[in-house]
Amino acid sequence: MSTSTESAAALESLKEEIKCYSLPYGALGFVSHVLTYYTIACLWYGRKPLWPFSRVTFSRFDLALGGFGLLISTLLTIVTIVRCKDTWELLVIAIWKMGMSLLNGVTAVHVAGLFILEKIRLKRAKKQKQREGSEASDTTTVADHEKEGGAATDKEAPIEVVIDPMRRVFWWIILYVPMMLAGIVGVMALVVKNIENKAVVKLTAGFYTVVGTGLLIVAAGLLYRIRNASESSRKIVFGGLIWVVATFSILAVFYSDWALGMMTDNITGLPSGDTAALYWTYWISKRLPMFSL
């Protein structure tokens, strides 16, 4: 069989197999994942995704919004995993994307929960302080204070909650990394099957060139800091590893989007008719945390 014939057969095979895959890839997948990473970054810093110049003031509605998005996107990813059970490469890629859905949704829910609990704590502390102040006053003073301060209490500014959620929610990335590694194995298996696709080969070469160059730069930077810094070398190395994993995770998902689009000859990533409903429901459900207020 000639090389061109093998390439055409691989393309037709993947185009048929991809019909089970109802998750974003190609240009639409790239846009979806950019928005997902942006949303996660904003929530890590306690900022509103739709207006990052303002801090979030989460309510129970925001908690429900994040929970609903998490539930729907996870369930639809499981549907794709079941549909693609006979194509292991697409199955592990779907598991990877489920990890991203979990990271996105759990981050939104966790941050909302942190703000709600902190607001409850501040309210209780304020009431306790008012109660202690009232008990220290005589009965007449208390009565006068209640009469004069009742209206003022109603006009009091709402409690402003200011916390730094990153330290507490960042660790959810540990849940995502194993799934990401499994998914990249699946993508590379498909790339090997479609090795005659010149565009995919160039994309892959570019991806690993960037990754390799980044690793060398980070390694050089770590060595320099270890030799010249007074802080613990373990702390420096740990920070470098986190930076490498985070950068690789971001670049890998973008690489997979374009690689799948090229290998299936569907660079836009538009879904087929039988998966369109699942696809767009998933796409929209992942955007729900963006509306956190």
Protein backbone atom coordinates (compact mmCIF):
# COMPACT_ATOMS: atom_id res chain seq x y z
CA MET A 1 0.00 0.00 0.00
CA SER A 2 1.42 3.44 -0.95
CA THR A 3 2.10 6.19 1.57
CA SER A 4 -0.67 8.38 0.19
CA THR A 5 -3.13 5.49 0.37
CA GLU A 6 -2.18 4.79 4.00
CA SER A 7 -2.58 8.47 4.87
CA ALA A 8 -6.00 8.60 3.22
CA ALA A 9 -7.09 5.42 5.01
CA ALA A 10 -5.96 6.81 8.38
CA LEU A 11 -7.83 10.05 7.72
CA GLU A 12 -11.04 8.26 6.77
CA SER A 13 -10.75 5.97 9.79
CA LEU A 14 -10.35 8.85 12.24
CA LYS A 15 -13.11 10.87 10.57
CA GLU A 16 -15.40 7.92 11.19
CA GLU A 17 -14.20 7.29 14.76
CA ILE A 18 -14.43 10.96 15.77
CA LYS A 19 -18.22 10.82 15.35
CA CYS A 20 -18.42 9.40 18.90
CA TYR A 21 -16.50 12.40 20.24
CA SER A 22 -18.93 15.19 21.18
CA LEU A 23 -16.43 17.51 22.93
CA PRO A 24 -14.80 20.68 21.52
CA TYR A 25 -11.64 20.51 19.42
CA GLY A 26 -10.23 22.48 16.49
CA ALA A 27 -10.76 26.24 16.45
CA LEU A 28 -13.92 26.02 18.58
CA GLY A 29 -12.10 23.84 21.09
CA PHE A 30 -9.22 26.33 21.19
CA VAL A 31 -11.63 29.20 21.96
CA SER A 32 -13.41 27.11 24.58
CA HIS A 33 -10.18 26.23 26.36
CA VAL A 34 -8.88 29.80 26.25
CA LEU A 35 -12.10 30.90 27.97
CA THR A 36 -11.83 28.04 30.47
CA TYR A 37 -8.26 28.90 31.45
CA TYR A 38 -9.16 32.58 31.65
CA THR A 39 -12.12 31.82 33.93
CA ILE A 40 -10.03 29.61 36.22
CA ALA A 41 -7.28 32.26 36.45
CA CYS A 42 -9.80 34.99 37.35
CA LEU A 43 -11.43 32.84 40.03
CA TRP A 44 -8.04 31.89 41.49
CA TYR A 45 -7.40 35.59 42.03
CA GLY A 46 -10.95 36.26 43.25
CA ARG A 47 -11.85 38.35 40.21
CA LYS A 48 -15.04 38.50 38.15
CA PRO A 49 -14.38 36.81 34.77
CA LEU A 50 -16.71 39.24 32.97
CA TRP A 51 -15.08 42.25 34.67
CA PRO A 52 -11.67 41.28 36.11
CA PHE A 53 -11.11 44.78 37.52
CA SER A 54 -13.65 43.98 40.27
CA ARG A 55 -13.45 41.38 43.00
CA VAL A 56 -16.09 38.69 43.16
CA THR A 57 -18.92 39.05 45.67
CA PHE A 58 -20.19 35.50 45.49
CA SER A 59 -23.73 34.61 46.48
CA ARG A 60 -25.53 31.30 46.74
CA PHE A 61 -26.70 31.86 43.18
CA ASP A 62 -23.08 31.82 42.00
CA LEU A 63 -22.51 28.60 43.93
CA ALA A 64 -25.50 27.03 42.21
CA LEU A 65 -24.28 28.31 38.84
CA GLY A 66 -20.87 26.71 39.28
CA GLY A 67 -22.39 23.48 40.57
CA PHE A 68 -24.83 23.25 37.68
CA GLY A 69 -22.07 23.84 35.12
CA LEU A 70 -19.88 21.23 36.83
CA LEU A 71 -22.67 18.65 36.85
CA ILE A 72 -23.75 19.11 33.22
CA SER A 73 -20.26 19.25 31.71
CA THR A 74 -19.10 16.21 33.69
CA LEU A 75 -22.15 14.13 32.76
CA LEU A 76 -21.79 14.99 29.07
CA THR A 77 -18.10 14.09 29.17
CA ILE A 78 -19.01 10.71 30.67
CA VAL A 79 -21.47 10.21 27.81
CA THR A 80 -18.61 10.81 25.34
CA ILE A 81 -16.34 8.40 27.24
CA VAL A 82 -19.00 5.68 26.96
CA ARG A 83 -19.62 6.43 23.27
CA CYS A 84 -15.89 6.25 22.48
CA LYS A 85 -15.16 3.10 24.52
CA ASP A 86 -14.05 1.23 21.37
CA THR A 87 -11.44 3.87 20.43
CA TRP A 88 -9.04 4.07 23.36
CA GLU A 89 -7.24 7.17 22.05
CA LEU A 90 -10.44 9.22 21.99
CA LEU A 91 -11.53 7.69 25.28
CA VAL A 92 -8.42 8.91 27.17
CA ILE A 93 -8.66 12.29 25.43
CA ALA A 94 -12.26 12.54 26.69
CA ILE A 95 -11.02 11.64 30.20
CA TRP A 96 -8.51 14.50 29.87
CA LYS A 97 -11.29 16.92 28.97
CA MET A 98 -13.35 15.63 31.90
CA GLY A 99 -10.41 16.58 34.11
CA MET A 100 -10.55 20.10 32.71
CA SER A 101 -14.32 20.28 33.28
CA LEU A 102 -13.80 19.16 36.88
CA LEU A 103 -11.03 21.71 37.42
CA ASN A 104 -13.21 24.48 35.98
CA GLY A 105 -16.36 23.57 37.87
CA VAL A 106 -14.78 22.60 41.18
CA THR A 107 -12.76 25.83 41.18
CA ALA A 108 -15.96 27.87 40.74
CA VAL A 109 -17.78 25.95 43.48
CA HIS A 110 -14.84 26.02 45.90
CA VAL A 111 -14.19 29.75 45.50
CA ALA A 112 -17.90 30.53 45.88
CA GLY A 113 -18.00 28.39 49.01
CA LEU A 114 -14.97 30.18 50.46
CA PHE A 115 -16.57 33.59 49.97
CA ILE A 116 -19.91 32.49 51.38
CA LEU A 117 -18.34 30.93 54.47
CA GLU A 118 -16.15 33.98 55.04
CA LYS A 119 -19.16 36.28 54.73
CA ILE A 120 -21.07 34.18 57.27
CA ARG A 121 -18.07 34.31 59.64
CA LEU A 122 -17.82 38.09 59.34
CA LYS A 123 -21.55 38.52 59.97
CA ARG A 124 -21.37 36.38 63.09
CA ALA A 125 -18.31 38.27 64.32
CA LYS A 126 -20.10 41.58 63.76
CA LYS A 127 -23.21 40.45 65.64
CA GLN A 128 -21.09 39.14 68.49
CA LYS A 129 -19.27 42.45 68.73
CA GLN A 130 -22.56 44.38 68.77
CA ARG A 131 -23.94 42.03 71.41
CA GLU A 132 -20.90 42.49 73.64
CA GLY A 133 -21.14 46.27 73.23
CA SER A 134 -24.82 46.22 74.17
CA GLU A 135 -24.23 44.10 77.26
CA ALA A 136 -21.56 46.55 78.47
CA SER A 137 -24.03 49.46 78.37
CA ASP A 138 -26.80 50.24 80.84
CA THR A 139 -30.41 49.55 79.97
CA THR A 140 -31.27 53.17 79.14
CA THR A 141 -28.26 53.60 76.90
CA VAL A 142 -29.07 50.37 75.13
CA ALA A 143 -32.63 51.46 74.51
CA ASP A 144 -31.56 54.85 73.18
CA HIS A 145 -28.88 53.25 71.04
CA GLU A 146 -31.39 50.85 69.50
CA LYS A 147 -33.79 53.68 68.71
CA GLU A 148 -31.16 55.90 67.19
CA GLY A 149 -29.05 53.19 65.58
CA GLY A 150 -31.86 51.06 64.19
CA ALA A 151 -32.20 53.13 61.05
CA ALA A 152 -28.44 53.43 60.72
CA THR A 153 -28.10 49.66 60.90
CA ASP A 154 -30.42 49.27 57.93
CA LYS A 155 -28.30 51.69 55.97
CA GLU A 156 -25.01 50.02 56.80
CA ALA A 157 -22.86 49.07 53.83
CA PRO A 158 -22.87 45.36 52.99
CA ILE A 159 -20.03 43.30 54.39
CA GLU A 160 -17.13 43.24 51.96
CA VAL A 161 -15.30 39.92 51.78
CA VAL A 162 -11.68 40.07 50.66
CA ILE A 163 -9.80 36.78 50.55
CA ASP A 164 -7.06 35.24 48.42
CA PRO A 165 -8.54 31.96 47.16
CA MET A 166 -5.54 30.80 45.10
CA ARG A 167 -3.65 29.12 47.95
CA ARG A 168 -6.69 27.04 48.81
CA VAL A 169 -8.05 26.15 45.36
CA PHE A 170 -4.81 25.83 43.37
CA TRP A 171 -4.30 22.27 44.60
CA TRP A 172 -7.24 21.02 42.54
CA ILE A 173 -4.79 20.99 39.62
CA ILE A 174 -3.43 17.76 41.12
CA LEU A 175 -6.70 16.14 40.04
CA TYR A 176 -6.21 17.40 36.49
CA VAL A 177 -2.56 16.50 35.81
CA PRO A 178 -2.91 12.66 35.64
CA MET A 179 -5.86 12.99 33.27
CA MET A 180 -3.90 15.44 31.14
CA LEU A 181 -0.97 13.01 30.87
CA ALA A 182 -3.33 10.18 29.86
CA GLY A 183 -4.93 12.43 27.23
CA ILE A 184 -1.65 13.53 25.67
CA VAL A 185 -0.73 9.84 25.27
CA GLY A 186 -3.93 9.35 23.31
CA VAL A 187 -3.24 12.38 21.12
CA MET A 188 0.30 11.20 20.36
CA ALA A 189 -1.01 7.72 19.45
CA LEU A 190 -3.29 9.34 16.88
CA VAL A 191 -0.43 11.51 15.61
CA VAL A 192 1.68 8.38 15.02
CA LYS A 193 -1.17 6.83 13.04
CA ASN A 194 -1.38 10.02 10.95
CA ILE A 195 2.36 10.62 10.68
CA GLU A 196 2.05 11.28 6.94
CA ASN A 197 -0.01 14.39 7.63
CA LYS A 198 2.61 17.12 7.08
CA ALA A 199 0.64 19.81 8.90
CA VAL A 200 0.31 17.66 12.01
CA VAL A 201 4.01 16.78 11.92
CA LYS A 202 4.95 20.47 11.73
CA LEU A 203 2.56 21.33 14.56
CA THR A 204 3.96 18.53 16.71
CA ALA A 205 7.55 19.59 16.01
CA GLY A 206 6.69 23.17 16.93
CA PHE A 207 4.93 22.10 20.12
CA TYR A 208 7.81 20.00 21.41
CA THR A 209 10.37 22.60 20.34
CA VAL A 210 8.58 25.19 22.48
CA VAL A 211 8.25 22.72 25.36
CA GLY A 212 11.91 21.66 25.12
CA THR A 213 13.14 25.25 24.93
CA GLY A 214 11.00 26.19 27.89
CA LEU A 215 12.41 23.31 29.95
CA LEU A 216 15.97 24.38 29.18
CA ILE A 217 15.23 27.98 30.14
CA VAL A 218 13.54 26.91 33.38
CA ALA A 219 16.41 24.55 34.22
CA ALA A 220 18.97 27.32 33.62
CA GLY A 221 16.93 29.76 35.70
CA LEU A 222 16.60 27.27 38.56
CA LEU A 223 20.33 26.60 38.61
CA TYR A 224 21.05 30.32 38.65
CA ARG A 225 18.60 30.99 41.49
CA ILE A 226 19.84 28.04 43.54
CA ARG A 227 23.42 29.29 43.28
CA ASN A 228 22.58 32.93 44.06
CA ALA A 229 19.52 32.81 46.31
CA SER A 230 19.47 32.51 50.07
CA GLU A 231 16.10 30.75 50.12
CA SER A 232 15.69 26.96 50.21
CA SER A 233 16.69 25.17 47.01
CA ARG A 234 13.75 22.79 47.48
CA LYS A 235 11.37 25.72 47.43
CA ILE A 236 12.91 27.04 44.21
CA VAL A 237 12.80 23.63 42.50
CA PHE A 238 9.18 23.08 43.60
CA GLY A 239 8.18 26.46 42.20
CA GLY A 240 9.93 25.65 38.93
CA LEU A 241 8.14 22.31 38.65
CA ILE A 242 4.78 23.96 39.21
CA TRP A 243 5.58 26.51 36.50
CA VAL A 244 6.60 23.73 34.06
CA VAL A 245 3.50 21.63 34.73
CA ALA A 246 1.16 24.62 34.41
CA THR A 247 2.75 25.80 31.16
CA PHE A 248 2.80 22.32 29.65
CA SER A 249 -0.86 21.79 30.61
CA ILE A 250 -1.90 24.97 28.82
CA LEU A 251 0.15 24.35 25.68
CA ALA A 252 -0.80 20.65 25.53
CA VAL A 253 -4.53 21.28 25.40
CA PHE A 254 -4.09 23.91 22.67
CA TYR A 255 -1.89 21.49 20.73
CA SER A 256 -4.51 18.74 21.03
CA ASP A 257 -7.25 21.05 19.74
CA TRP A 258 -5.41 21.93 16.53
CA ALA A 259 -3.94 18.43 16.06
CA LEU A 260 -7.39 16.80 16.22
CA GLY A 261 -8.80 19.41 13.86
CA MET A 262 -6.01 18.76 11.33
CA MET A 263 -6.17 14.97 11.63
CA THR A 264 -9.95 14.88 11.08
CA ASP A 265 -9.86 17.51 8.32
CA ASN A 266 -12.22 19.63 10.43
CA ILE A 267 -10.09 22.56 11.53
CA THR A 268 -13.08 24.55 12.80
CA GLY A 269 -14.19 21.63 14.99
CA LEU A 270 -17.85 21.95 14.04
CA PRO A 271 -19.81 18.92 15.33
CA SER A 272 -21.71 16.51 13.12
CA GLY A 273 -25.48 16.58 13.21
CA ASP A 274 -25.92 13.61 15.56
CA THR A 275 -23.63 15.10 18.23
CA ALA A 276 -24.48 18.79 17.84
CA ALA A 277 -26.93 18.90 20.77
CA LEU A 278 -24.48 17.26 23.18
CA TYR A 279 -21.62 19.40 21.87
CA TRP A 280 -23.28 22.81 22.28
CA THR A 281 -24.85 21.89 25.63
CA TYR A 282 -21.37 20.99 26.89
CA TRP A 283 -19.83 24.13 25.36
CA ILE A 284 -22.39 26.39 27.04
CA SER A 285 -22.32 24.59 30.40
CA LYS A 286 -18.56 25.20 30.66
CA ARG A 287 -19.19 28.93 30.25
CA LEU A 288 -21.50 29.18 33.27
CA PRO A 289 -18.70 29.89 35.80
CA MET A 290 -17.78 32.94 33.68
CA PHE A 291 -20.92 34.63 34.99
CA SER A 292 -19.81 34.43 38.62
CA LEU A 293 -20.51 37.76 40.33
